[in-house]
Amino acid sequence: MTQDSRQVLIELLFLSLYMDDHLSLAEDEVLNDALESLGWDSPAPREKFIFKAFSSAREAMTSLDKIREFLDVRTAVIKRDGEEAESLTWLSKVLGSDGLTSTEKYFLDQLEARLYPGS
């Protein structure tokens, strides 16, 4: 996975955690697995990026338009890099780890529609 795709996937993972306003122990465990599995290939520390990514996700949650823009920008990077399948897999694993709420299901459907238009 490219570093650009890795970073936007991390941002999407963090946004997904805001979808149901609940972080379960199962989600936390799978999220940590995802972060470790994705690795990091940047001279900047991952922790510094994580703080920024949480802030970006939190800001996106302030309006529906911001959420749409957040999704559009990040899914474009993932599509450009050909990382659709791995990204959707990780997002599904994290959100599905404690069962999907209707909001989380809607979020995944929106991502899938952006990643695989016309499917």
PDB file of N, CA and C in Angstrom:
ATOM      1  N   MET A   1       0.855  -1.176   0.000  1.00  0.00           N
ATOM      2  CA  MET A   1       0.000   0.000   0.000  1.00  0.00           C
ATOM      3  C   MET A   1       0.894   1.230   0.000  1.00  0.00           C
ATOM      4  N   THR A   2       0.522   2.218  -0.809  1.00  0.00           N
ATOM      5  CA  THR A   2       1.296   3.453  -0.840  1.00  0.00           C
ATOM      6  C   THR A   2       1.095   4.227   0.463  1.00  0.00           C
ATOM      7  N   GLN A   3       2.024   5.095   0.766  1.00  0.00           N
ATOM      8  CA  GLN A   3       1.900   5.898   1.982  1.00  0.00           C
ATOM      9  C   GLN A   3       0.683   6.820   1.898  1.00  0.00           C
ATOM     10  N   ASP A   4       0.422   7.381   0.724  1.00  0.00           N
ATOM     11  CA  ASP A   4      -0.763   8.245   0.573  1.00  0.00           C
ATOM     12  C   ASP A   4      -2.039   7.478   0.888  1.00  0.00           C
ATOM     13  N   SER A   5      -2.165   6.271   0.320  1.00  0.00           N
ATOM     14  CA  SER A   5      -3.351   5.454   0.585  1.00  0.00           C
ATOM     15  C   SER A   5      -3.427   5.050   2.047  1.00  0.00           C
ATOM     16  N   ARG A   6      -2.306   4.712   2.606  1.00  0.00           N
ATOM     17  CA  ARG A   6      -2.237   4.329   4.030  1.00  0.00           C
ATOM     18  C   ARG A   6      -2.759   5.472   4.894  1.00  0.00           C
ATOM     19  N   GLN A   7      -2.318   6.672   4.612  1.00  0.00           N
ATOM     20  CA  GLN A   7      -2.722   7.824   5.429  1.00  0.00           C
ATOM     21  C   GLN A   7      -4.212   8.121   5.281  1.00  0.00           C
ATOM     22  N   VAL A   8      -4.742   8.094   4.065  1.00  0.00           N
ATOM     23  CA  VAL A   8      -6.172   8.391   3.925  1.00  0.00           C
ATOM     24  C   VAL A   8      -7.020   7.256   4.486  1.00  0.00           C
ATOM     25  N   LEU A   9      -6.523   6.023   4.408  1.00  0.00           N
ATOM     26  CA  LEU A   9      -7.256   4.913   5.031  1.00  0.00           C
ATOM     27  C   LEU A   9      -7.309   5.101   6.543  1.00  0.00           C
ATOM     28  N   ILE A  10      -6.218   5.508   7.133  1.00  0.00           N
ATOM     29  CA  ILE A  10      -6.218   5.776   8.575  1.00  0.00           C
ATOM     30  C   ILE A  10      -7.231   6.871   8.907  1.00  0.00           C
ATOM     31  N   GLU A  11      -7.275   7.915   8.102  1.00  0.00           N
ATOM     32  CA  GLU A  11      -8.264   8.980   8.332  1.00  0.00           C
ATOM     33  C   GLU A  11      -9.686   8.441   8.207  1.00  0.00           C
ATOM     34  N   LEU A  12      -9.926   7.591   7.217  1.00  0.00           N
ATOM     35  CA  LEU A  12     -11.257   6.990   7.055  1.00  0.00           C
ATOM     36  C   LEU A  12     -11.593   6.063   8.221  1.00  0.00           C
ATOM     37  N   LEU A  13     -10.613   5.327   8.697  1.00  0.00           N
ATOM     38  CA  LEU A  13     -10.842   4.477   9.869  1.00  0.00           C
ATOM     39  C   LEU A  13     -11.250   5.321  11.072  1.00  0.00           C
ATOM     40  N   PHE A  14     -10.584   6.443  11.264  1.00  0.00           N
ATOM     41  CA  PHE A  14     -10.924   7.300  12.393  1.00  0.00           C
ATOM     42  C   PHE A  14     -12.307   7.930  12.216  1.00  0.00           C
ATOM     43  N   LEU A  15     -12.616   8.346  10.998  1.00  0.00           N
ATOM     44  CA  LEU A  15     -13.960   8.879  10.753  1.00  0.00           C
ATOM     45  C   LEU A  15     -15.007   7.809  11.040  1.00  0.00           C
ATOM     46  N   SER A  16     -14.712   6.580  10.652  1.00  0.00           N
ATOM     47  CA  SER A  16     -15.683   5.505  10.860  1.00  0.00           C
ATOM     48  C   SER A  16     -15.988   5.303  12.343  1.00  0.00           C
ATOM     49  N   LEU A  17     -15.015   5.566  13.198  1.00  0.00           N
ATOM     50  CA  LEU A  17     -15.234   5.409  14.632  1.00  0.00           C
ATOM     51  C   LEU A  17     -16.245   6.420  15.167  1.00  0.00           C
ATOM     52  N   TYR A  18     -16.360   7.544  14.502  1.00  0.00           N
ATOM     53  CA  TYR A  18     -17.323   8.566  14.922  1.00  0.00           C
ATOM     54  C   TYR A  18     -18.744   8.246  14.470  1.00  0.00           C
ATOM     55  N   MET A  19     -18.897   7.280  13.584  1.00  0.00           N
ATOM     56  CA  MET A  19     -20.203   7.000  12.994  1.00  0.00           C
ATOM     57  C   MET A  19     -21.248   6.582  14.018  1.00  0.00           C
ATOM     58  N   ASP A  20     -20.866   5.805  15.013  1.00  0.00           N
ATOM     59  CA  ASP A  20     -21.868   5.386  15.999  1.00  0.00           C
ATOM     60  C   ASP A  20     -21.588   5.931  17.400  1.00  0.00           C
ATOM     61  N   ASP A  21     -20.643   6.856  17.489  1.00  0.00           N
ATOM     62  CA  ASP A  21     -20.306   7.484  18.775  1.00  0.00           C
ATOM     63  C   ASP A  21     -19.992   6.465  19.862  1.00  0.00           C
ATOM     64  N   HIS A  22     -19.409   5.328  19.444  1.00  0.00           N
ATOM     65  CA  HIS A  22     -19.110   4.275  20.407  1.00  0.00           C
ATOM     66  C   HIS A  22     -17.895   3.496  19.923  1.00  0.00           C
ATOM     67  N   LEU A  23     -16.879   3.438  20.750  1.00  0.00           N
ATOM     68  CA  LEU A  23     -15.705   2.634  20.438  1.00  0.00           C
ATOM     69  C   LEU A  23     -15.699   1.443  21.386  1.00  0.00           C
ATOM     70  N   SER A  24     -15.943   0.274  20.821  1.00  0.00           N
ATOM     71  CA  SER A  24     -15.950  -0.937  21.641  1.00  0.00           C
ATOM     72  C   SER A  24     -14.532  -1.476  21.766  1.00  0.00           C
ATOM     73  N   LEU A  25     -14.347  -2.379  22.703  1.00  0.00           N
ATOM     74  CA  LEU A  25     -13.048  -3.028  22.855  1.00  0.00           C
ATOM     75  C   LEU A  25     -12.704  -3.827  21.603  1.00  0.00           C
ATOM     76  N   ALA A  26     -13.714  -4.440  20.981  1.00  0.00           N
ATOM     77  CA  ALA A  26     -13.484  -5.212  19.757  1.00  0.00           C
ATOM     78  C   ALA A  26     -13.012  -4.290  18.632  1.00  0.00           C
ATOM     79  N   GLU A  27     -13.677  -3.145  18.470  1.00  0.00           N
ATOM     80  CA  GLU A  27     -13.255  -2.188  17.440  1.00  0.00           C
ATOM     81  C   GLU A  27     -11.844  -1.683  17.708  1.00  0.00           C
ATOM     82  N   ASP A  28     -11.564  -1.380  18.952  1.00  0.00           N
ATOM     83  CA  ASP A  28     -10.241  -0.880  19.314  1.00  0.00           C
ATOM     84  C   ASP A  28      -9.160  -1.908  18.978  1.00  0.00           C
ATOM     85  N   GLU A  29      -9.429  -3.165  19.280  1.00  0.00           N
ATOM     86  CA  GLU A  29      -8.454  -4.222  19.001  1.00  0.00           C
ATOM     87  C   GLU A  29      -8.212  -4.369  17.499  1.00  0.00           C
ATOM     88  N   VAL A  30      -9.277  -4.387  16.710  1.00  0.00           N
ATOM     89  CA  VAL A  30      -9.131  -4.542  15.254  1.00  0.00           C
ATOM     90  C   VAL A  30      -8.499  -3.289  14.642  1.00  0.00           C
ATOM     91  N   LEU A  31      -8.832  -2.118  15.168  1.00  0.00           N
ATOM     92  CA  LEU A  31      -8.208  -0.889  14.701  1.00  0.00           C
ATOM     93  C   LEU A  31      -6.699  -0.934  14.948  1.00  0.00           C
ATOM     94  N   ASN A  32      -6.298  -1.359  16.124  1.00  0.00           N
ATOM     95  CA  ASN A  32      -4.866  -1.473  16.417  1.00  0.00           C
ATOM     96  C   ASN A  32      -4.195  -2.493  15.504  1.00  0.00           C
ATOM     97  N   ASP A  33      -4.883  -3.599  15.223  1.00  0.00           N
ATOM     98  CA  ASP A  33      -4.363  -4.589  14.271  1.00  0.00           C
ATOM     99  C   ASP A  33      -4.174  -3.960  12.895  1.00  0.00           C
ATOM    100  N   ALA A  34      -5.159  -3.181  12.481  1.00  0.00           N
ATOM    101  CA  ALA A  34      -5.077  -2.517  11.174  1.00  0.00           C
ATOM    102  C   ALA A  34      -3.889  -1.568  11.129  1.00  0.00           C
ATOM    103  N   LEU A  35      -3.741  -0.748  12.146  1.00  0.00           N
ATOM    104  CA  LEU A  35      -2.639   0.214  12.172  1.00  0.00           C
ATOM    105  C   LEU A  35      -1.288  -0.484  12.121  1.00  0.00           C
ATOM    106  N   GLU A  36      -1.161  -1.583  12.834  1.00  0.00           N
ATOM    107  CA  GLU A  36       0.098  -2.331  12.823  1.00  0.00           C
ATOM    108  C   GLU A  36       0.329  -2.998  11.476  1.00  0.00           C
ATOM    109  N   SER A  37      -0.713  -3.584  10.898  1.00  0.00           N
ATOM    110  CA  SER A  37      -0.585  -4.289   9.619  1.00  0.00           C
ATOM    111  C   SER A  37      -0.294  -3.345   8.459  1.00  0.00           C
ATOM    112  N   LEU A  38      -0.853  -2.142   8.526  1.00  0.00           N
ATOM    113  CA  LEU A  38      -0.653  -1.179   7.447  1.00  0.00           C
ATOM    114  C   LEU A  38       0.782  -0.665   7.404  1.00  0.00           C
ATOM    115  N   GLY A  39       1.432  -0.661   8.553  1.00  0.00           N
ATOM    116  CA  GLY A  39       2.801  -0.165   8.604  1.00  0.00           C
ATOM    117  C   GLY A  39       2.861   1.348   8.472  1.00  0.00           C
ATOM    118  N   TRP A  40       4.072   1.824   8.249  1.00  0.00           N
ATOM    119  CA  TRP A  40       4.291   3.276   8.135  1.00  0.00           C
ATOM    120  C   TRP A  40       5.567   3.498   7.343  1.00  0.00           C
ATOM    121  N   ASP A  41       5.513   4.347   6.332  1.00  0.00           N
ATOM    122  CA  ASP A  41       6.675   4.585   5.479  1.00  0.00           C
ATOM    123  C   ASP A  41       6.830   6.079   5.237  1.00  0.00           C
ATOM    124  N   SER A  42       7.094   6.795   6.306  1.00  0.00           N
ATOM    125  CA  SER A  42       7.231   8.241   6.230  1.00  0.00           C
ATOM    126  C   SER A  42       8.266   8.675   7.257  1.00  0.00           C
ATOM    127  N   PRO A  43       9.036   9.716   6.935  1.00  0.00           N
ATOM    128  CA  PRO A  43       9.983  10.221   7.932  1.00  0.00           C
ATOM    129  C   PRO A  43       9.275  10.880   9.124  1.00  0.00           C
ATOM    130  N   ALA A  44       8.048  11.343   8.909  1.00  0.00           N
ATOM    131  CA  ALA A  44       7.280  11.936  10.008  1.00  0.00           C
ATOM    132  C   ALA A  44       6.740  10.816  10.893  1.00  0.00           C
ATOM    133  N   PRO A  45       6.746  10.996  12.194  1.00  0.00           N
ATOM    134  CA  PRO A  45       6.248   9.955  13.091  1.00  0.00           C
ATOM    135  C   PRO A  45       4.762   9.667  12.874  1.00  0.00           C
ATOM    136  N   ARG A  46       4.411   8.379  12.939  1.00  0.00           N
ATOM    137  CA  ARG A  46       3.012   7.979  12.765  1.00  0.00           C
ATOM    138  C   ARG A  46       2.123   8.617  13.821  1.00  0.00           C
ATOM    139  N   GLU A  47       2.607   8.713  15.056  1.00  0.00           N
ATOM    140  CA  GLU A  47       1.794   9.268  16.139  1.00  0.00           C
ATOM    141  C   GLU A  47       1.384  10.711  15.846  1.00  0.00           C
ATOM    142  N   LYS A  48       2.301  11.475  15.274  1.00  0.00           N
ATOM    143  CA  LYS A  48       1.979  12.864  14.927  1.00  0.00           C
ATOM    144  C   LYS A  48       0.867  12.895  13.881  1.00  0.00           C
ATOM    145  N   PHE A  49       0.953  12.006  12.893  1.00  0.00           N
ATOM    146  CA  PHE A  49      -0.091  11.934  11.878  1.00  0.00           C
ATOM    147  C   PHE A  49      -1.423  11.500  12.497  1.00  0.00           C
ATOM    148  N   ILE A  50      -1.381  10.562  13.422  1.00  0.00           N
ATOM    149  CA  ILE A  50      -2.607  10.052  14.047  1.00  0.00           C
ATOM    150  C   ILE A  50      -3.362  11.175  14.750  1.00  0.00           C
ATOM    151  N   PHE A  51      -2.658  12.036  15.464  1.00  0.00           N
ATOM    152  CA  PHE A  51      -3.322  13.163  16.119  1.00  0.00           C
ATOM    153  C   PHE A  51      -3.995  14.070  15.094  1.00  0.00           C
ATOM    154  N   LYS A  52      -3.294  14.334  13.998  1.00  0.00           N
ATOM    155  CA  LYS A  52      -3.856  15.168  12.939  1.00  0.00           C
ATOM    156  C   LYS A  52      -5.051  14.477  12.278  1.00  0.00           C
ATOM    157  N   ALA A  53      -4.948  13.178  12.073  1.00  0.00           N
ATOM    158  CA  ALA A  53      -6.022  12.427  11.429  1.00  0.00           C
ATOM    159  C   ALA A  53      -7.288  12.422  12.285  1.00  0.00           C
ATOM    160  N   PHE A  54      -7.147  12.246  13.589  1.00  0.00           N
ATOM    161  CA  PHE A  54      -8.315  12.309  14.475  1.00  0.00           C
ATOM    162  C   PHE A  54      -8.958  13.687  14.421  1.00  0.00           C
ATOM    163  N   SER A  55      -8.137  14.717  14.393  1.00  0.00           N
ATOM    164  CA  SER A  55      -8.651  16.082  14.310  1.00  0.00           C
ATOM    165  C   SER A  55      -9.412  16.302  13.001  1.00  0.00           C
ATOM    166  N   SER A  56      -8.860  15.820  11.901  1.00  0.00           N
ATOM    167  CA  SER A  56      -9.521  15.958  10.595  1.00  0.00           C
ATOM    168  C   SER A  56     -10.859  15.222  10.578  1.00  0.00           C
ATOM    169  N   ALA A  57     -10.868  14.017  11.137  1.00  0.00           N
ATOM    170  CA  ALA A  57     -12.104  13.236  11.175  1.00  0.00           C
ATOM    171  C   ALA A  57     -13.159  13.925  12.041  1.00  0.00           C
ATOM    172  N   ARG A  58     -12.735  14.423  13.176  1.00  0.00           N
ATOM    173  CA  ARG A  58     -13.659  15.126  14.078  1.00  0.00           C
ATOM    174  C   ARG A  58     -14.240  16.366  13.399  1.00  0.00           C
ATOM    175  N   GLU A  59     -13.403  17.107  12.673  1.00  0.00           N
ATOM    176  CA  GLU A  59     -13.868  18.295  11.948  1.00  0.00           C
ATOM    177  C   GLU A  59     -14.847  17.909  10.847  1.00  0.00           C
ATOM    178  N   ALA A  60     -14.583  16.818  10.162  1.00  0.00           N
ATOM    179  CA  ALA A  60     -15.482  16.380   9.090  1.00  0.00           C
ATOM    180  C   ALA A  60     -16.874  16.068   9.623  1.00  0.00           C
ATOM    181  N   MET A  61     -16.949  15.585  10.851  1.00  0.00           N
ATOM    182  CA  MET A  61     -18.238  15.205  11.429  1.00  0.00           C
ATOM    183  C   MET A  61     -19.126  16.395  11.765  1.00  0.00           C
ATOM    184  N   THR A  62     -18.656  17.605  11.548  1.00  0.00           N
ATOM    185  CA  THR A  62     -19.451  18.772  11.909  1.00  0.00           C
ATOM    186  C   THR A  62     -20.567  19.079  10.916  1.00  0.00           C
ATOM    187  N   SER A  63     -20.493  18.504   9.706  1.00  0.00           N
ATOM    188  CA  SER A  63     -21.590  18.718   8.758  1.00  0.00           C
ATOM    189  C   SER A  63     -21.588  17.626   7.700  1.00  0.00           C
ATOM    190  N   LEU A  64     -22.743  17.403   7.119  1.00  0.00           N
ATOM    191  CA  LEU A  64     -22.886  16.392   6.072  1.00  0.00           C
ATOM    192  C   LEU A  64     -22.041  16.739   4.847  1.00  0.00           C
ATOM    193  N   ASP A  65     -21.982  18.022   4.503  1.00  0.00           N
ATOM    194  CA  ASP A  65     -21.153  18.442   3.367  1.00  0.00           C
ATOM    195  C   ASP A  65     -19.668  18.150   3.613  1.00  0.00           C
ATOM    196  N   LYS A  66     -19.220  18.371   4.826  1.00  0.00           N
ATOM    197  CA  LYS A  66     -17.817  18.100   5.154  1.00  0.00           C
ATOM    198  C   LYS A  66     -17.525  16.595   5.114  1.00  0.00           C
ATOM    199  N   ILE A  67     -18.488  15.802   5.552  1.00  0.00           N
ATOM    200  CA  ILE A  67     -18.311  14.347   5.487  1.00  0.00           C
ATOM    201  C   ILE A  67     -18.197  13.917   4.032  1.00  0.00           C
ATOM    202  N   ARG A  68     -19.077  14.418   3.186  1.00  0.00           N
ATOM    203  CA  ARG A  68     -19.039  14.055   1.761  1.00  0.00           C
ATOM    204  C   ARG A  68     -17.708  14.443   1.127  1.00  0.00           C
ATOM    205  N   GLU A  69     -17.251  15.643   1.404  1.00  0.00           N
ATOM    206  CA  GLU A  69     -15.973  16.106   0.852  1.00  0.00           C
ATOM    207  C   GLU A  69     -14.815  15.248   1.374  1.00  0.00           C
ATOM    208  N   PHE A  70     -14.834  14.954   2.655  1.00  0.00           N
ATOM    209  CA  PHE A  70     -13.821  14.108   3.276  1.00  0.00           C
ATOM    210  C   PHE A  70     -13.756  12.753   2.562  1.00  0.00           C
ATOM    211  N   LEU A  71     -14.928  12.144   2.359  1.00  0.00           N
ATOM    212  CA  LEU A  71     -14.988  10.852   1.673  1.00  0.00           C
ATOM    213  C   LEU A  71     -14.521  10.955   0.227  1.00  0.00           C
ATOM    214  N   ASP A  72     -14.976  11.983  -0.476  1.00  0.00           N
ATOM    215  CA  ASP A  72     -14.607  12.144  -1.884  1.00  0.00           C
ATOM    216  C   ASP A  72     -13.098  12.275  -2.062  1.00  0.00           C
ATOM    217  N   VAL A  73     -12.487  13.122  -1.269  1.00  0.00           N
ATOM    218  CA  VAL A  73     -11.045  13.371  -1.387  1.00  0.00           C
ATOM    219  C   VAL A  73     -10.256  12.100  -1.070  1.00  0.00           C
ATOM    220  N   ARG A  74     -10.619  11.432   0.000  1.00  0.00           N
ATOM    221  CA  ARG A  74      -9.842  10.269   0.423  1.00  0.00           C
ATOM    222  C   ARG A  74     -10.062   9.046  -0.460  1.00  0.00           C
ATOM    223  N   THR A  75     -11.287   8.831  -0.906  1.00  0.00           N
ATOM    224  CA  THR A  75     -11.514   7.691  -1.799  1.00  0.00           C
ATOM    225  C   THR A  75     -10.858   7.915  -3.158  1.00  0.00           C
ATOM    226  N   ALA A  76     -10.712   9.153  -3.587  1.00  0.00           N
ATOM    227  CA  ALA A  76     -10.015   9.432  -4.851  1.00  0.00           C
ATOM    228  C   ALA A  76      -8.557   8.988  -4.766  1.00  0.00           C
ATOM    229  N   VAL A  77      -7.918   9.202  -3.623  1.00  0.00           N
ATOM    230  CA  VAL A  77      -6.525   8.776  -3.439  1.00  0.00           C
ATOM    231  C   VAL A  77      -6.442   7.248  -3.469  1.00  0.00           C
ATOM    232  N   ILE A  78      -7.344   6.604  -2.771  1.00  0.00           N
ATOM    233  CA  ILE A  78      -7.348   5.144  -2.728  1.00  0.00           C
ATOM    234  C   ILE A  78      -7.569   4.563  -4.126  1.00  0.00           C
ATOM    235  N   LYS A  79      -8.497   5.143  -4.876  1.00  0.00           N
ATOM    236  CA  LYS A  79      -8.743   4.675  -6.246  1.00  0.00           C
ATOM    237  C   LYS A  79      -7.532   4.924  -7.136  1.00  0.00           C
ATOM    238  N   ARG A  80      -6.925   6.077  -7.007  1.00  0.00           N
ATOM    239  CA  ARG A  80      -5.742   6.406  -7.811  1.00  0.00           C
ATOM    240  C   ARG A  80      -4.637   5.374  -7.601  1.00  0.00           C
ATOM    241  N   ASP A  81      -4.497   4.922  -6.360  1.00  0.00           N
ATOM    242  CA  ASP A  81      -3.430   3.989  -6.008  1.00  0.00           C
ATOM    243  C   ASP A  81      -3.843   2.525  -6.155  1.00  0.00           C
ATOM    244  N   GLY A  82      -5.104   2.281  -6.544  1.00  0.00           N
ATOM    245  CA  GLY A  82      -5.566   0.905  -6.740  1.00  0.00           C
ATOM    246  C   GLY A  82      -5.680   0.100  -5.457  1.00  0.00           C
ATOM    247  N   GLU A  83      -6.021   0.766  -4.368  1.00  0.00           N
ATOM    248  CA  GLU A  83      -6.071   0.119  -3.053  1.00  0.00           C
ATOM    249  C   GLU A  83      -7.504  -0.048  -2.533  1.00  0.00           C
ATOM    250  N   GLU A  84      -8.474  -0.115  -3.452  1.00  0.00           N
ATOM    251  CA  GLU A  84      -9.879  -0.181  -3.052  1.00  0.00           C
ATOM    252  C   GLU A  84     -10.185  -1.392  -2.173  1.00  0.00           C
ATOM    253  N   ALA A  85      -9.787  -2.572  -2.631  1.00  0.00           N
ATOM    254  CA  ALA A  85     -10.156  -3.805  -1.928  1.00  0.00           C
ATOM    255  C   ALA A  85      -9.576  -3.850  -0.517  1.00  0.00           C
ATOM    256  N   GLU A  86      -8.282  -3.571  -0.380  1.00  0.00           N
ATOM    257  CA  GLU A  86      -7.671  -3.627   0.946  1.00  0.00           C
ATOM    258  C   GLU A  86      -8.278  -2.581   1.879  1.00  0.00           C
ATOM    259  N   SER A  87      -8.537  -1.407   1.357  1.00  0.00           N
ATOM    260  CA  SER A  87      -9.115  -0.344   2.180  1.00  0.00           C
ATOM    261  C   SER A  87     -10.508  -0.721   2.671  1.00  0.00           C
ATOM    262  N   LEU A  88     -11.347  -1.187   1.768  1.00  0.00           N
ATOM    263  CA  LEU A  88     -12.712  -1.559   2.152  1.00  0.00           C
ATOM    264  C   LEU A  88     -12.695  -2.751   3.107  1.00  0.00           C
ATOM    265  N   THR A  89     -11.757  -3.654   2.919  1.00  0.00           N
ATOM    266  CA  THR A  89     -11.634  -4.803   3.818  1.00  0.00           C
ATOM    267  C   THR A  89     -11.325  -4.348   5.236  1.00  0.00           C
ATOM    268  N   TRP A  90     -10.339  -3.453   5.394  1.00  0.00           N
ATOM    269  CA  TRP A  90      -9.993  -2.987   6.738  1.00  0.00           C
ATOM    270  C   TRP A  90     -11.137  -2.210   7.377  1.00  0.00           C
ATOM    271  N   LEU A  91     -11.780  -1.358   6.603  1.00  0.00           N
ATOM    272  CA  LEU A  91     -12.899  -0.590   7.153  1.00  0.00           C
ATOM    273  C   LEU A  91     -14.033  -1.523   7.584  1.00  0.00           C
ATOM    274  N   SER A  92     -14.310  -2.531   6.785  1.00  0.00           N
ATOM    275  CA  SER A  92     -15.360  -3.495   7.131  1.00  0.00           C
ATOM    276  C   SER A  92     -14.989  -4.300   8.370  1.00  0.00           C
ATOM    277  N   LYS A  93     -13.724  -4.690   8.481  1.00  0.00           N
ATOM    278  CA  LYS A  93     -13.273  -5.447   9.654  1.00  0.00           C
ATOM    279  C   LYS A  93     -13.422  -4.632  10.928  1.00  0.00           C
ATOM    280  N   VAL A  94     -12.982  -3.385  10.884  1.00  0.00           N
ATOM    281  CA  VAL A  94     -13.050  -2.551  12.084  1.00  0.00           C
ATOM    282  C   VAL A  94     -14.503  -2.301  12.474  1.00  0.00           C
ATOM    283  N   LEU A  95     -15.312  -1.867  11.533  1.00  0.00           N
ATOM    284  CA  LEU A  95     -16.698  -1.550  11.862  1.00  0.00           C
ATOM    285  C   LEU A  95     -17.510  -2.795  12.203  1.00  0.00           C
ATOM    286  N   GLY A  96     -17.217  -3.891  11.542  1.00  0.00           N
ATOM    287  CA  GLY A  96     -17.981  -5.111  11.776  1.00  0.00           C
ATOM    288  C   GLY A  96     -17.549  -5.895  12.995  1.00  0.00           C
ATOM    289  N   SER A  97     -16.487  -5.486  13.640  1.00  0.00           N
ATOM    290  CA  SER A  97     -15.940  -6.240  14.763  1.00  0.00           C
ATOM    291  C   SER A  97     -16.899  -6.348  15.945  1.00  0.00           C
ATOM    292  N   ASP A  98     -17.796  -5.396  16.083  1.00  0.00           N
ATOM    293  CA  ASP A  98     -18.778  -5.452  17.167  1.00  0.00           C
ATOM    294  C   ASP A  98     -20.205  -5.395  16.625  1.00  0.00           C
ATOM    295  N   GLY A  99     -20.364  -5.752  15.366  1.00  0.00           N
ATOM    296  CA  GLY A  99     -21.675  -5.678  14.722  1.00  0.00           C
ATOM    297  C   GLY A  99     -21.849  -4.320  14.080  1.00  0.00           C
ATOM    298  N   LEU A 100     -22.525  -4.302  12.955  1.00  0.00           N
ATOM    299  CA  LEU A 100     -22.725  -3.042  12.224  1.00  0.00           C
ATOM    300  C   LEU A 100     -24.018  -2.360  12.638  1.00  0.00           C
ATOM    301  N   THR A 101     -23.918  -1.094  12.990  1.00  0.00           N
ATOM    302  CA  THR A 101     -25.124  -0.294  13.185  1.00  0.00           C
ATOM    303  C   THR A 101     -25.614   0.138  11.811  1.00  0.00           C
ATOM    304  N   SER A 102     -26.807   0.654  11.732  1.00  0.00           N
ATOM    305  CA  SER A 102     -27.325   1.127  10.444  1.00  0.00           C
ATOM    306  C   SER A 102     -26.485   2.290   9.920  1.00  0.00           C
ATOM    307  N   THR A 103     -25.976   3.119  10.804  1.00  0.00           N
ATOM    308  CA  THR A 103     -25.126   4.237  10.393  1.00  0.00           C
ATOM    309  C   THR A 103     -23.805   3.736   9.829  1.00  0.00           C
ATOM    310  N   GLU A 104     -23.217   2.736  10.476  1.00  0.00           N
ATOM    311  CA  GLU A 104     -21.963   2.175   9.979  1.00  0.00           C
ATOM    312  C   GLU A 104     -22.168   1.478   8.634  1.00  0.00           C
ATOM    313  N   LYS A 105     -23.277   0.779   8.489  1.00  0.00           N
ATOM    314  CA  LYS A 105     -23.594   0.122   7.219  1.00  0.00           C
ATOM    315  C   LYS A 105     -23.743   1.171   6.121  1.00  0.00           C
ATOM    316  N   TYR A 106     -24.437   2.255   6.408  1.00  0.00           N
ATOM    317  CA  TYR A 106     -24.598   3.341   5.445  1.00  0.00           C
ATOM    318  C   TYR A 106     -23.231   3.925   5.060  1.00  0.00           C
ATOM    319  N   PHE A 107     -22.373   4.118   6.044  1.00  0.00           N
ATOM    320  CA  PHE A 107     -21.026   4.637   5.807  1.00  0.00           C
ATOM    321  C   PHE A 107     -20.260   3.714   4.858  1.00  0.00           C
ATOM    322  N   LEU A 108     -20.289   2.414   5.124  1.00  0.00           N
ATOM    323  CA  LEU A 108     -19.604   1.459   4.244  1.00  0.00           C
ATOM    324  C   LEU A 108     -20.206   1.459   2.840  1.00  0.00           C
ATOM    325  N   ASP A 109     -21.519   1.571   2.759  1.00  0.00           N
ATOM    326  CA  ASP A 109     -22.174   1.633   1.445  1.00  0.00           C
ATOM    327  C   ASP A 109     -21.728   2.872   0.670  1.00  0.00           C
ATOM    328  N   GLN A 110     -21.605   4.000   1.360  1.00  0.00           N
ATOM    329  CA  GLN A 110     -21.146   5.234   0.710  1.00  0.00           C
ATOM    330  C   GLN A 110     -19.708   5.091   0.216  1.00  0.00           C
ATOM    331  N   LEU A 111     -18.872   4.474   1.008  1.00  0.00           N
ATOM    332  CA  LEU A 111     -17.485   4.245   0.597  1.00  0.00           C
ATOM    333  C   LEU A 111     -17.426   3.309  -0.603  1.00  0.00           C
ATOM    334  N   GLU A 112     -18.188   2.233  -0.552  1.00  0.00           N
ATOM    335  CA  GLU A 112     -18.181   1.271  -1.651  1.00  0.00           C
ATOM    336  C   GLU A 112     -18.670   1.917  -2.944  1.00  0.00           C
ATOM    337  N   ALA A 113     -19.682   2.753  -2.838  1.00  0.00           N
ATOM    338  CA  ALA A 113     -20.198   3.443  -4.030  1.00  0.00           C
ATOM    339  C   ALA A 113     -19.139   4.368  -4.627  1.00  0.00           C
ATOM    340  N   ARG A 114     -18.320   4.985  -3.805  1.00  0.00           N
ATOM    341  CA  ARG A 114     -17.260   5.851  -4.294  1.00  0.00           C
ATOM    342  C   ARG A 114     -16.087   5.049  -4.855  1.00  0.00           C
ATOM    343  N   LEU A 115     -15.778   3.947  -4.193  1.00  0.00           N
ATOM    344  CA  LEU A 115     -14.632   3.140  -4.618  1.00  0.00           C
ATOM    345  C   LEU A 115     -14.935   2.292  -5.858  1.00  0.00           C
ATOM    346  N   TYR A 116     -16.187   1.875  -5.971  1.00  0.00           N
ATOM    347  CA  TYR A 116     -16.604   1.019  -7.090  1.00  0.00           C
ATOM    348  C   TYR A 116     -17.849   1.604  -7.755  1.00  0.00           C
ATOM    349  N   PRO A 117     -17.724   2.777  -8.386  1.00  0.00           N
ATOM    350  CA  PRO A 117     -18.901   3.387  -9.018  1.00  0.00           C
ATOM    351  C   PRO A 117     -19.432   2.492 -10.145  1.00  0.00           C
ATOM    352  N   GLY A 118     -20.736   2.444 -10.236  1.00  0.00           N
ATOM    353  CA  GLY A 118     -21.359   1.656 -11.306  1.00  0.00           C
ATOM    354  C   GLY A 118     -21.492   0.184 -10.981  1.00  0.00           C
ATOM    355  N   SER A 119     -21.123  -0.212  -9.765  1.00  0.00           N
ATOM    356  CA  SER A 119     -21.231  -1.635  -9.403  1.00  0.00           C
ATOM    357  C   SER A 119     -22.623  -1.960  -8.934  1.00  0.00           C
TER     358      SER A 119
END
